[in-house]
């Protein structure tokens, strides 16, 4: 199941389970939409992939115990601010390639 990380890895903004501005890559690296757009340029600093909106896990048990009460969000903060200059060097070759082609 998807790990719902509690905050943006770059700016440490809280991203609770129902946050609509949470973005994840395919490895579940988690950033806020503002950082993905303004700092990262839709390139994950950890894997080079793109980002998608993080799904919201239901807060209520609508069916089969598939909800936050049974599978809570993570409380482990991964605060790893990105060095913008290092990220620019990393993304120089791939930032113009659409995420589905990387």
N, C-alpha and C. Protein backbone atom coordinates (compact mmCIF):
# COMPACT_ATOMS: atom_id res chain seq x y z
N UNK A 1 0.83 -1.17 0.00
CA UNK A 1 0.00 0.00 0.00
C UNK A 1 0.88 1.23 0.00
N UNK A 2 0.36 2.30 -0.52
CA UNK A 2 1.07 3.56 -0.66
C UNK A 2 1.39 4.15 0.71
N UNK A 3 2.65 4.55 0.88
CA UNK A 3 3.06 5.24 2.10
C UNK A 3 2.68 6.70 1.98
N UNK A 4 1.86 7.19 2.88
CA UNK A 4 1.46 8.59 2.85
C UNK A 4 2.40 9.37 3.75
N UNK A 5 3.43 9.95 3.17
CA UNK A 5 4.43 10.68 3.95
C UNK A 5 3.84 12.01 4.42
N UNK A 6 4.27 12.46 5.61
CA UNK A 6 3.60 13.58 6.27
C UNK A 6 3.98 14.98 5.82
N UNK A 7 5.05 15.12 5.01
CA UNK A 7 5.48 16.47 4.66
C UNK A 7 6.29 16.48 3.37
N UNK A 8 6.48 17.68 2.84
CA UNK A 8 7.29 17.87 1.64
C UNK A 8 8.76 17.62 1.99
N UNK A 9 9.42 16.84 1.17
CA UNK A 9 10.83 16.52 1.44
C UNK A 9 11.73 17.73 1.25
N UNK A 10 11.28 18.75 0.50
CA UNK A 10 12.12 19.92 0.28
C UNK A 10 11.86 21.02 1.31
N UNK A 11 10.62 21.47 1.44
CA UNK A 11 10.32 22.62 2.31
C UNK A 11 9.73 22.23 3.66
N UNK A 12 9.43 20.96 3.83
CA UNK A 12 8.87 20.42 5.08
C UNK A 12 7.43 20.89 5.36
N UNK A 13 6.75 21.39 4.34
CA UNK A 13 5.35 21.78 4.50
C UNK A 13 4.54 20.55 4.88
N UNK A 14 3.66 20.65 5.88
CA UNK A 14 2.82 19.50 6.23
C UNK A 14 1.92 19.10 5.07
N UNK A 15 1.87 17.80 4.83
CA UNK A 15 1.00 17.24 3.80
C UNK A 15 0.17 16.11 4.43
N UNK A 16 -0.89 16.49 5.14
CA UNK A 16 -1.72 15.47 5.78
C UNK A 16 -2.34 14.54 4.75
N UNK A 17 -2.90 13.43 5.18
CA UNK A 17 -3.42 12.43 4.24
C UNK A 17 -4.39 12.96 3.18
N UNK A 18 -5.16 13.99 3.49
CA UNK A 18 -6.13 14.52 2.52
C UNK A 18 -5.60 15.71 1.74
N UNK A 19 -4.30 16.00 1.82
CA UNK A 19 -3.73 17.16 1.12
C UNK A 19 -3.85 16.98 -0.39
N UNK A 20 -4.47 17.94 -1.04
CA UNK A 20 -4.64 17.87 -2.49
C UNK A 20 -3.41 18.38 -3.24
N UNK A 21 -2.48 19.02 -2.52
CA UNK A 21 -1.28 19.53 -3.17
C UNK A 21 -0.07 18.62 -2.97
N UNK A 22 -0.28 17.40 -2.48
CA UNK A 22 0.82 16.45 -2.34
C UNK A 22 1.11 15.81 -3.69
N UNK A 23 2.38 15.69 -4.01
CA UNK A 23 2.81 15.05 -5.26
C UNK A 23 3.79 13.94 -4.93
N UNK A 24 3.72 12.85 -5.70
CA UNK A 24 4.63 11.72 -5.49
C UNK A 24 5.22 11.26 -6.81
N UNK A 25 6.41 10.66 -6.72
CA UNK A 25 6.98 9.99 -7.89
C UNK A 25 6.65 8.51 -7.74
N UNK A 26 7.13 7.69 -8.65
CA UNK A 26 6.80 6.26 -8.59
C UNK A 26 7.47 5.55 -7.41
N UNK A 27 8.45 6.21 -6.78
CA UNK A 27 9.09 5.65 -5.59
C UNK A 27 8.52 6.24 -4.31
N UNK A 28 7.44 7.00 -4.44
CA UNK A 28 6.72 7.61 -3.34
C UNK A 28 7.46 8.78 -2.70
N UNK A 29 8.50 9.30 -3.37
CA UNK A 29 9.12 10.53 -2.89
C UNK A 29 7.99 11.56 -2.88
N UNK A 30 7.92 12.36 -1.84
CA UNK A 30 6.77 13.22 -1.63
C UNK A 30 7.19 14.69 -1.52
N UNK A 31 6.55 15.52 -2.33
CA UNK A 31 6.82 16.94 -2.33
C UNK A 31 5.49 17.68 -2.49
N UNK A 32 5.46 18.95 -2.10
CA UNK A 32 4.25 19.76 -2.32
C UNK A 32 4.25 20.24 -3.77
N UNK A 33 3.08 20.59 -4.26
CA UNK A 33 2.95 21.04 -5.66
C UNK A 33 3.80 22.27 -5.93
N UNK A 34 3.89 23.17 -4.98
CA UNK A 34 4.69 24.39 -5.15
C UNK A 34 6.16 24.04 -5.42
N UNK A 35 6.73 23.13 -4.64
CA UNK A 35 8.13 22.74 -4.84
C UNK A 35 8.32 21.97 -6.15
N UNK A 36 7.37 21.10 -6.48
CA UNK A 36 7.46 20.35 -7.74
C UNK A 36 7.49 21.31 -8.92
N UNK A 37 6.65 22.34 -8.88
CA UNK A 37 6.55 23.28 -9.99
C UNK A 37 7.68 24.31 -9.99
N UNK A 38 7.98 24.90 -8.84
CA UNK A 38 8.91 26.04 -8.82
C UNK A 38 10.36 25.69 -8.56
N UNK A 39 10.62 24.57 -7.90
CA UNK A 39 12.00 24.20 -7.56
C UNK A 39 12.48 23.01 -8.40
N UNK A 40 11.63 22.00 -8.51
CA UNK A 40 12.05 20.74 -9.12
C UNK A 40 11.77 20.63 -10.62
N UNK A 41 10.89 21.45 -11.13
CA UNK A 41 10.57 21.38 -12.56
C UNK A 41 10.01 20.03 -12.98
N UNK A 42 9.25 19.40 -12.09
CA UNK A 42 8.63 18.09 -12.34
C UNK A 42 9.66 16.99 -12.60
N UNK A 43 10.84 17.11 -11.97
CA UNK A 43 11.86 16.07 -12.05
C UNK A 43 12.23 15.69 -10.62
N UNK A 44 11.98 14.44 -10.26
CA UNK A 44 12.31 13.98 -8.91
C UNK A 44 13.83 14.04 -8.71
N UNK A 45 14.28 14.67 -7.63
CA UNK A 45 15.72 14.76 -7.39
C UNK A 45 16.35 13.44 -6.98
N UNK A 46 15.53 12.46 -6.66
CA UNK A 46 16.04 11.17 -6.21
C UNK A 46 16.12 10.13 -7.32
N UNK A 47 15.18 10.19 -8.29
CA UNK A 47 15.17 9.17 -9.34
C UNK A 47 15.12 9.72 -10.76
N UNK A 48 14.76 11.00 -10.92
CA UNK A 48 14.67 11.58 -12.25
C UNK A 48 13.30 11.42 -12.90
N UNK A 49 12.39 10.76 -12.22
CA UNK A 49 11.04 10.59 -12.75
C UNK A 49 10.19 11.83 -12.56
N UNK A 50 8.97 11.77 -13.03
CA UNK A 50 8.02 12.86 -12.87
C UNK A 50 7.14 12.65 -11.66
N UNK A 51 6.22 13.56 -11.46
CA UNK A 51 5.33 13.51 -10.30
C UNK A 51 3.87 13.42 -10.73
N UNK A 52 3.05 12.89 -9.83
CA UNK A 52 1.61 12.82 -10.02
C UNK A 52 0.95 13.20 -8.70
N UNK A 53 -0.29 13.66 -8.74
CA UNK A 53 -0.98 13.95 -7.49
C UNK A 53 -1.07 12.68 -6.63
N UNK A 54 -0.82 12.84 -5.34
CA UNK A 54 -0.93 11.70 -4.43
C UNK A 54 -2.40 11.41 -4.15
N UNK A 55 -2.82 10.16 -4.28
CA UNK A 55 -4.22 9.83 -3.99
C UNK A 55 -4.55 10.07 -2.51
N UNK A 56 -5.81 10.33 -2.26
CA UNK A 56 -6.29 10.52 -0.89
C UNK A 56 -6.87 9.20 -0.40
N UNK A 57 -6.35 8.71 0.71
CA UNK A 57 -6.88 7.48 1.30
C UNK A 57 -8.16 7.83 2.06
N UNK A 58 -9.22 7.05 1.89
CA UNK A 58 -10.48 7.36 2.58
C UNK A 58 -10.30 7.43 4.09
N UNK A 59 -10.93 8.43 4.70
CA UNK A 59 -10.89 8.58 6.15
C UNK A 59 -11.91 7.66 6.83
N UNK A 60 -12.95 7.28 6.10
CA UNK A 60 -14.00 6.44 6.65
C UNK A 60 -13.94 5.03 6.05
N UNK A 61 -14.39 4.07 6.81
CA UNK A 61 -14.38 2.68 6.38
C UNK A 61 -15.61 2.40 5.51
N UNK A 62 -15.48 2.76 4.25
CA UNK A 62 -16.59 2.55 3.32
C UNK A 62 -16.73 1.09 2.92
N UNK A 63 -15.59 0.38 2.85
CA UNK A 63 -15.65 -1.01 2.41
C UNK A 63 -14.36 -1.74 2.76
N UNK A 64 -14.48 -2.89 3.35
CA UNK A 64 -13.37 -3.81 3.54
C UNK A 64 -12.21 -3.35 4.41
N UNK A 65 -12.43 -2.46 5.33
CA UNK A 65 -11.37 -1.95 6.20
C UNK A 65 -10.23 -1.29 5.43
N UNK A 66 -10.54 -0.71 4.29
CA UNK A 66 -9.55 0.02 3.49
C UNK A 66 -9.71 1.51 3.76
N UNK A 67 -9.08 1.98 4.85
CA UNK A 67 -9.22 3.37 5.25
C UNK A 67 -8.08 3.75 6.21
N UNK A 68 -7.98 5.04 6.49
CA UNK A 68 -6.89 5.55 7.34
C UNK A 68 -6.87 4.93 8.74
N UNK A 69 -8.02 4.59 9.27
CA UNK A 69 -8.06 4.01 10.61
C UNK A 69 -7.32 2.68 10.69
N UNK A 70 -7.36 1.91 9.63
CA UNK A 70 -6.67 0.62 9.59
C UNK A 70 -5.26 0.76 9.04
N UNK A 71 -5.10 1.59 8.06
CA UNK A 71 -3.79 1.81 7.42
C UNK A 71 -3.44 3.30 7.50
N UNK A 72 -2.93 3.73 8.66
CA UNK A 72 -2.66 5.16 8.86
C UNK A 72 -1.50 5.68 8.02
N UNK A 73 -1.47 6.98 7.87
CA UNK A 73 -0.38 7.64 7.17
C UNK A 73 0.90 7.51 7.99
N UNK A 74 2.03 7.61 7.31
CA UNK A 74 3.32 7.56 7.98
C UNK A 74 3.53 8.81 8.83
N UNK A 75 4.30 8.68 9.88
CA UNK A 75 4.66 9.84 10.69
C UNK A 75 6.14 10.16 10.56
N UNK A 76 6.84 9.41 9.71
CA UNK A 76 8.28 9.60 9.52
C UNK A 76 8.52 10.75 8.54
N UNK A 77 9.15 11.79 9.03
CA UNK A 77 9.45 12.96 8.20
C UNK A 77 10.76 12.72 7.47
N UNK A 78 10.75 12.98 6.18
CA UNK A 78 11.96 12.87 5.35
C UNK A 78 12.26 14.26 4.81
N UNK A 79 12.93 15.04 5.61
CA UNK A 79 13.26 16.42 5.25
C UNK A 79 14.66 16.44 4.65
N UNK A 80 14.70 16.57 3.32
CA UNK A 80 15.97 16.56 2.60
C UNK A 80 15.92 17.68 1.56
N UNK A 81 16.16 18.92 1.99
CA UNK A 81 16.08 20.03 1.05
C UNK A 81 16.99 19.81 -0.16
N UNK A 82 16.49 20.20 -1.30
CA UNK A 82 17.20 20.03 -2.56
C UNK A 82 18.08 21.25 -2.80
N UNK A 83 19.32 21.02 -3.20
CA UNK A 83 20.22 22.10 -3.59
C UNK A 83 19.83 22.50 -5.01
N UNK A 84 19.28 23.69 -5.20
CA UNK A 84 18.80 24.08 -6.53
C UNK A 84 19.87 24.01 -7.63
N UNK A 85 21.10 24.37 -7.31
CA UNK A 85 22.16 24.33 -8.32
C UNK A 85 22.52 22.90 -8.69
N UNK A 86 22.61 22.03 -7.70
CA UNK A 86 22.90 20.62 -7.97
C UNK A 86 21.75 19.99 -8.76
N UNK A 87 20.51 20.37 -8.42
CA UNK A 87 19.35 19.83 -9.14
C UNK A 87 19.35 20.31 -10.59
N UNK A 88 19.72 21.55 -10.82
CA UNK A 88 19.78 22.07 -12.19
C UNK A 88 20.82 21.29 -13.01
N UNK A 89 21.96 20.98 -12.41
CA UNK A 89 22.97 20.18 -13.12
C UNK A 89 22.43 18.78 -13.41
N UNK A 90 21.78 18.19 -12.40
CA UNK A 90 21.21 16.83 -12.56
C UNK A 90 20.17 16.79 -13.67
N UNK A 91 19.33 17.80 -13.73
CA UNK A 91 18.20 17.78 -14.67
C UNK A 91 18.53 18.35 -16.05
N UNK A 92 19.71 18.89 -16.22
CA UNK A 92 20.05 19.55 -17.49
C UNK A 92 19.77 18.66 -18.71
N UNK A 93 20.10 17.39 -18.63
CA UNK A 93 19.90 16.47 -19.77
C UNK A 93 18.47 15.98 -19.91
N UNK A 94 17.71 15.94 -18.83
CA UNK A 94 16.42 15.23 -18.88
C UNK A 94 15.20 16.11 -18.68
N UNK A 95 15.36 17.35 -18.24
CA UNK A 95 14.19 18.16 -17.90
C UNK A 95 13.26 18.43 -19.08
N UNK A 96 13.80 18.42 -20.29
CA UNK A 96 12.95 18.67 -21.47
C UNK A 96 12.27 17.39 -21.98
N UNK A 97 12.63 16.25 -21.42
CA UNK A 97 12.02 14.98 -21.81
C UNK A 97 10.77 14.76 -20.96
N UNK A 98 9.62 14.52 -21.57
CA UNK A 98 8.41 14.28 -20.79
C UNK A 98 8.63 13.08 -19.83
N UNK A 99 8.02 13.12 -18.64
CA UNK A 99 8.20 12.05 -17.67
C UNK A 99 7.93 10.65 -18.22
N UNK A 100 6.94 10.51 -19.10
CA UNK A 100 6.63 9.18 -19.63
C UNK A 100 7.66 8.68 -20.63
N UNK A 101 8.60 9.53 -21.02
CA UNK A 101 9.66 9.13 -21.96
C UNK A 101 11.02 8.98 -21.28
N UNK A 102 11.09 9.34 -19.99
CA UNK A 102 12.36 9.24 -19.28
C UNK A 102 12.62 7.81 -18.94
